[in-house]
Amino acid sequence: MSLPSQAEYVIAGAGIHGLSTAWRLAERLTENGESVNGRIVIIDKSDRVAAGATGIACGVVRNNYFQPAMRKLMAHSVSIWESDPKAFSYHANGYMQIS
């Protein structure tokens, strides 16, 4: 599939976060009576949906990272994954922090 020459919304990543974002954006546009066709483009480094972190991590979206214990646990987990990315099949694609 070829990429369009332009798009109003471009979402990087076809994992659970990217697809959820695209879905919700499409819902919002529809709720506002706007057309969705051709306005949202999802790009991914792979040619398969959920082939990266989502597939490895079971596609879980968690909402409890605001708790200090969970932040500490996740930071520790990332440091372990990053210590040997090949052994753990870890492919970093960015970080997001919500405060």
Protein backbone atom coordinates (compact mmCIF):
# COMPACT_ATOMS: atom_id res chain seq x y z
CA MET A 1 0.00 0.00 0.00
CA SER A 2 1.36 3.41 -0.87
CA LEU A 3 1.30 6.35 1.51
CA PRO A 4 -0.86 9.34 0.67
CA SER A 5 0.93 12.58 -0.15
CA GLN A 6 -0.79 14.27 2.78
CA ALA A 7 -3.01 13.53 5.76
CA GLU A 8 -4.59 15.64 8.42
CA TYR A 9 -3.77 13.14 11.18
CA VAL A 10 -0.76 10.82 11.12
CA ILE A 11 -0.43 8.25 13.86
CA ALA A 12 2.91 6.51 14.35
CA GLY A 13 2.50 2.89 15.37
CA ALA A 14 -0.04 0.19 14.57
CA GLY A 15 0.02 -1.31 18.04
CA ILE A 16 -2.65 -1.05 20.68
CA HIS A 17 -1.91 2.60 21.51
CA GLY A 18 -1.78 3.80 17.90
CA LEU A 19 -4.86 1.88 16.81
CA SER A 20 -6.79 2.95 19.92
CA THR A 21 -5.87 6.55 19.22
CA ALA A 22 -7.00 6.26 15.60
CA TRP A 23 -10.26 4.59 16.63
CA ARG A 24 -11.07 7.26 19.22
CA LEU A 25 -10.15 10.05 16.82
CA ALA A 26 -12.48 8.54 14.20
CA GLU A 27 -15.23 8.31 16.81
CA ARG A 28 -14.77 11.97 17.76
CA LEU A 29 -14.82 13.11 14.16
CA THR A 30 -17.99 11.09 13.53
CA GLU A 31 -19.63 12.42 16.72
CA ASN A 32 -18.96 15.94 15.43
CA GLY A 33 -20.59 15.10 12.10
CA GLU A 34 -17.27 15.18 10.26
CA SER A 35 -16.06 12.77 7.61
CA VAL A 36 -13.24 10.37 8.52
CA ASN A 37 -12.36 9.19 5.01
CA GLY A 38 -8.74 9.89 4.12
CA ARG A 39 -8.07 12.07 7.16
CA ILE A 40 -6.31 9.53 9.40
CA VAL A 41 -3.18 7.64 8.36
CA ILE A 42 -1.46 5.05 10.55
CA ILE A 43 2.18 4.29 9.81
CA ASP A 44 4.28 1.54 11.34
CA LYS A 45 7.83 0.26 10.98
CA SER A 46 6.42 -3.19 10.23
CA ASP A 47 3.88 -4.29 7.65
CA ARG A 48 1.83 -6.09 10.31
CA VAL A 49 -0.50 -4.81 12.98
CA ALA A 50 0.78 -5.35 16.54
CA ALA A 51 4.08 -6.85 15.37
CA GLY A 52 6.19 -4.84 17.81
CA ALA A 53 5.81 -4.05 21.50
CA THR A 54 2.07 -4.78 21.54
CA GLY A 55 2.62 -8.31 20.31
CA ILE A 56 5.45 -8.90 22.73
CA ALA A 57 3.71 -7.35 25.74
CA CYS A 58 0.24 -8.81 25.06
CA GLY A 59 -1.24 -5.47 24.06
CA VAL A 60 -2.15 -4.23 27.50
CA VAL A 61 -3.01 -0.61 28.24
CA ARG A 62 -2.71 0.17 31.91
CA ASN A 63 -3.97 3.20 33.75
CA ASN A 64 -2.19 2.72 37.06
CA TYR A 65 1.27 4.08 36.24
CA PHE A 66 0.45 7.15 38.31
CA GLN A 67 1.03 5.12 41.46
CA PRO A 68 4.59 5.50 42.79
CA ALA A 69 5.10 1.74 43.14
CA MET A 70 4.07 1.12 39.52
CA ARG A 71 6.33 3.91 38.22
CA LYS A 72 9.25 2.39 40.10
CA LEU A 73 8.42 -1.11 38.83
CA MET A 74 8.11 0.04 35.22
CA ALA A 75 11.36 2.03 35.37
CA HIS A 76 13.11 -1.04 36.76
CA SER A 77 11.57 -3.27 34.06
CA VAL A 78 12.66 -0.92 31.27
CA SER A 79 16.21 -0.87 32.62
CA ILE A 80 16.27 -4.67 32.53
CA TRP A 81 14.85 -4.83 28.99
CA GLU A 82 17.36 -2.21 27.83
CA SER A 83 20.25 -4.08 29.44
CA ASP A 84 20.00 -6.80 26.76
CA PRO A 85 17.47 -5.84 24.09
CA LYS A 86 18.34 -8.78 21.85
CA ALA A 87 17.87 -11.41 24.56
CA PHE A 88 14.56 -9.88 25.64
CA SER A 89 13.33 -9.05 22.10
CA TYR A 90 13.00 -5.47 23.27
CA HIS A 91 12.54 -2.81 20.59
CA ALA A 92 12.17 0.62 22.13
CA ASN A 93 9.94 2.95 20.18
CA GLY A 94 9.68 5.86 22.57
CA TYR A 95 8.35 6.83 25.95
CA MET A 96 5.28 8.71 27.07
CA GLN A 97 4.83 10.32 30.45
CA ILE A 98 1.59 11.82 31.63
CA SER A 99 1.72 13.96 34.72
